[in-house]
Amino acid sequence: MVYDKHIFICTNQRAEGASRKSCGEAHGMEIVDAFKKKLKALDLPIKIRAQKSGCLDICDFGQTIVIYPEGVFYVGVELSDIDEIIDEHIINGRVVERLKLETVRDKNG
């Protein structure tokens, strides 16, 4: 099946004591479940899927998701950001700049 929007949410978990953080340790699966629940409740008129993914390799910026076909990476995503991402990006086609990888990188150097 081809999707109009496809959301990948990192749920990677590294071994205890690993030198890098991993998204799954914080709340990766909670975010997957919250996206799925909200999208199902909205019953949008587009084909959309939210699913867990392996490492997206930018763990230093916190919980990461990527939305295709745009290829926009959001970092530092919290459960409280899900409604905004769905409303702004998925429904209205506007990038949530404060969570966008490039914006966060510019702020943090």
C-alpha atoms as a PDB file:
ATOM      1  CA  MET A   1       0.000   0.000   0.000  1.00  0.00           C
ATOM      2  CA  VAL A   2       1.187   3.491  -0.811  1.00  0.00           C
ATOM      3  CA  TYR A   3       0.617   6.102   1.885  1.00  0.00           C
ATOM      4  CA  ASP A   4       0.041   9.819   1.461  1.00  0.00           C
ATOM      5  CA  LYS A   5       1.927  10.352   4.731  1.00  0.00           C
ATOM      6  CA  HIS A   6       4.157   7.918   6.566  1.00  0.00           C
ATOM      7  CA  ILE A   7       5.405   8.634  10.090  1.00  0.00           C
ATOM      8  CA  PHE A   8       8.380   6.699  11.433  1.00  0.00           C
ATOM      9  CA  ILE A   9       8.975   6.961  15.189  1.00  0.00           C
ATOM     10  CA  CYS A  10      12.307   5.792  16.553  1.00  0.00           C
ATOM     11  CA  THR A  11      11.970   3.159  19.255  1.00  0.00           C
ATOM     12  CA  ASN A  12      15.590   2.037  19.242  1.00  0.00           C
ATOM     13  CA  GLN A  13      17.005   0.877  22.566  1.00  0.00           C
ATOM     14  CA  ARG A  14      20.712   0.595  23.117  1.00  0.00           C
ATOM     15  CA  ALA A  15      22.300  -1.668  25.668  1.00  0.00           C
ATOM     16  CA  GLU A  16      22.573  -0.358  29.196  1.00  0.00           C
ATOM     17  CA  GLY A  17      25.717   1.735  29.608  1.00  0.00           C
ATOM     18  CA  ALA A  18      25.940   2.638  25.904  1.00  0.00           C
ATOM     19  CA  SER A  19      27.770   5.873  25.159  1.00  0.00           C
ATOM     20  CA  ARG A  20      24.816   7.374  23.258  1.00  0.00           C
ATOM     21  CA  LYS A  21      21.207   7.960  24.254  1.00  0.00           C
ATOM     22  CA  SER A  22      18.445   6.129  22.462  1.00  0.00           C
ATOM     23  CA  CYS A  23      14.902   7.209  21.695  1.00  0.00           C
ATOM     24  CA  GLY A  24      13.221   4.054  22.909  1.00  0.00           C
ATOM     25  CA  GLU A  25      14.477   4.486  26.439  1.00  0.00           C
ATOM     26  CA  ALA A  26      12.444   7.636  27.020  1.00  0.00           C
ATOM     27  CA  HIS A  27       9.021   7.057  25.496  1.00  0.00           C
ATOM     28  CA  GLY A  28       9.327   5.738  21.954  1.00  0.00           C
ATOM     29  CA  MET A  29       6.489   3.221  22.094  1.00  0.00           C
ATOM     30  CA  GLU A  30       4.246   5.640  23.982  1.00  0.00           C
ATOM     31  CA  ILE A  31       4.665   8.095  21.121  1.00  0.00           C
ATOM     32  CA  VAL A  32       3.930   5.396  18.518  1.00  0.00           C
ATOM     33  CA  ASP A  33       0.759   4.415  20.381  1.00  0.00           C
ATOM     34  CA  ALA A  34      -0.332   8.038  20.835  1.00  0.00           C
ATOM     35  CA  PHE A  35       0.134   8.839  17.120  1.00  0.00           C
ATOM     36  CA  LYS A  36      -1.846   5.742  16.111  1.00  0.00           C
ATOM     37  CA  LYS A  37      -4.660   6.477  18.548  1.00  0.00           C
ATOM     38  CA  LYS A  38      -4.983  10.133  17.520  1.00  0.00           C
ATOM     39  CA  LEU A  39      -4.833   9.389  13.774  1.00  0.00           C
ATOM     40  CA  LYS A  40      -7.443   6.643  14.091  1.00  0.00           C
ATOM     41  CA  ALA A  41      -9.745   8.958  16.056  1.00  0.00           C
ATOM     42  CA  LEU A  42      -9.417  11.695  13.424  1.00  0.00           C
ATOM     43  CA  ASP A  43     -10.223   9.308  10.556  1.00  0.00           C
ATOM     44  CA  LEU A  44      -8.507  11.581   8.040  1.00  0.00           C
ATOM     45  CA  PRO A  45      -9.380  11.316   4.329  1.00  0.00           C
ATOM     46  CA  ILE A  46      -5.809  10.380   3.411  1.00  0.00           C
ATOM     47  CA  LYS A  47      -3.830   7.153   3.640  1.00  0.00           C
ATOM     48  CA  ILE A  48      -1.543   7.581   6.611  1.00  0.00           C
ATOM     49  CA  ARG A  49       0.516   5.262   8.739  1.00  0.00           C
ATOM     50  CA  ALA A  50       2.462   5.777  11.956  1.00  0.00           C
ATOM     51  CA  GLN A  51       4.884   3.040  12.926  1.00  0.00           C
ATOM     52  CA  LYS A  52       7.927   2.300  15.008  1.00  0.00           C
ATOM     53  CA  SER A  53      11.327   2.340  13.396  1.00  0.00           C
ATOM     54  CA  GLY A  54      14.855   1.432  14.272  1.00  0.00           C
ATOM     55  CA  CYS A  55      17.541   3.997  14.888  1.00  0.00           C
ATOM     56  CA  LEU A  56      17.327   7.148  12.768  1.00  0.00           C
ATOM     57  CA  ASP A  57      20.902   7.986  13.868  1.00  0.00           C
ATOM     58  CA  ILE A  58      20.366  11.456  15.338  1.00  0.00           C
ATOM     59  CA  CYS A  59      19.820  10.406  18.936  1.00  0.00           C
ATOM     60  CA  ASP A  60      21.763  13.304  20.417  1.00  0.00           C
ATOM     61  CA  PHE A  61      18.766  15.564  19.765  1.00  0.00           C
ATOM     62  CA  GLY A  62      16.240  13.459  21.679  1.00  0.00           C
ATOM     63  CA  GLN A  63      13.210  11.495  20.551  1.00  0.00           C
ATOM     64  CA  THR A  64      13.158  11.498  16.752  1.00  0.00           C
ATOM     65  CA  ILE A  65      10.444  11.030  14.164  1.00  0.00           C
ATOM     66  CA  VAL A  66      10.478  11.488  10.404  1.00  0.00           C
ATOM     67  CA  ILE A  67       7.508  12.162   8.156  1.00  0.00           C
ATOM     68  CA  TYR A  68       7.483  11.150   4.500  1.00  0.00           C
ATOM     69  CA  PRO A  69       7.136  11.970   1.677  1.00  0.00           C
ATOM     70  CA  GLU A  70       8.521  15.327   2.863  1.00  0.00           C
ATOM     71  CA  GLY A  71      11.435  13.755   4.733  1.00  0.00           C
ATOM     72  CA  VAL A  72      11.060  16.183   7.646  1.00  0.00           C
ATOM     73  CA  PHE A  73      12.857  15.079  10.802  1.00  0.00           C
ATOM     74  CA  TYR A  74      11.469  16.219  14.147  1.00  0.00           C
ATOM     75  CA  VAL A  75      13.627  15.905  17.244  1.00  0.00           C
ATOM     76  CA  GLY A  76      13.109  16.255  20.969  1.00  0.00           C
ATOM     77  CA  VAL A  77       9.517  15.125  20.428  1.00  0.00           C
ATOM     78  CA  GLU A  78       7.414  14.768  23.565  1.00  0.00           C
ATOM     79  CA  LEU A  79       3.951  13.268  23.984  1.00  0.00           C
ATOM     80  CA  SER A  80       2.639  16.813  24.329  1.00  0.00           C
ATOM     81  CA  ASP A  81       3.872  17.625  20.776  1.00  0.00           C
ATOM     82  CA  ILE A  82       1.825  14.982  18.968  1.00  0.00           C
ATOM     83  CA  ASP A  83      -1.359  17.015  18.546  1.00  0.00           C
ATOM     84  CA  GLU A  84       0.610  19.954  17.162  1.00  0.00           C
ATOM     85  CA  ILE A  85       2.519  17.763  14.699  1.00  0.00           C
ATOM     86  CA  ILE A  86      -0.688  16.167  13.460  1.00  0.00           C
ATOM     87  CA  ASP A  87      -2.627  19.438  13.269  1.00  0.00           C
ATOM     88  CA  GLU A  88       0.138  21.475  11.675  1.00  0.00           C
ATOM     89  CA  HIS A  89       2.136  19.030   9.543  1.00  0.00           C
ATOM     90  CA  ILE A  90      -0.310  16.265   8.670  1.00  0.00           C
ATOM     91  CA  ILE A  91      -3.551  18.236   8.364  1.00  0.00           C
ATOM     92  CA  ASN A  92      -2.383  21.735   7.388  1.00  0.00           C
ATOM     93  CA  GLY A  93       0.893  20.951   5.593  1.00  0.00           C
ATOM     94  CA  ARG A  94       2.991  23.294   7.741  1.00  0.00           C
ATOM     95  CA  VAL A  95       6.290  22.203   9.267  1.00  0.00           C
ATOM     96  CA  VAL A  96       6.553  22.576  13.052  1.00  0.00           C
ATOM     97  CA  GLU A  97       9.710  24.676  12.901  1.00  0.00           C
ATOM     98  CA  ARG A  98      10.532  24.538  16.631  1.00  0.00           C
ATOM     99  CA  LEU A  99      10.918  20.731  16.421  1.00  0.00           C
ATOM    100  CA  LYS A 100      12.500  20.496  12.974  1.00  0.00           C
ATOM    101  CA  LEU A 101      16.014  19.050  13.019  1.00  0.00           C
ATOM    102  CA  GLU A 102      17.655  21.953  11.156  1.00  0.00           C
ATOM    103  CA  THR A 103      16.040  24.517  13.458  1.00  0.00           C
ATOM    104  CA  VAL A 104      17.178  22.672  16.597  1.00  0.00           C
ATOM    105  CA  ARG A 105      20.694  22.240  15.200  1.00  0.00           C
ATOM    106  CA  ASP A 106      20.936  25.960  14.463  1.00  0.00           C
ATOM    107  CA  LYS A 107      19.839  26.816  18.026  1.00  0.00           C
ATOM    108  CA  ASN A 108      22.232  24.344  19.651  1.00  0.00           C
ATOM    109  CA  GLY A 109      25.196  24.964  17.384  1.00  0.00           C
END
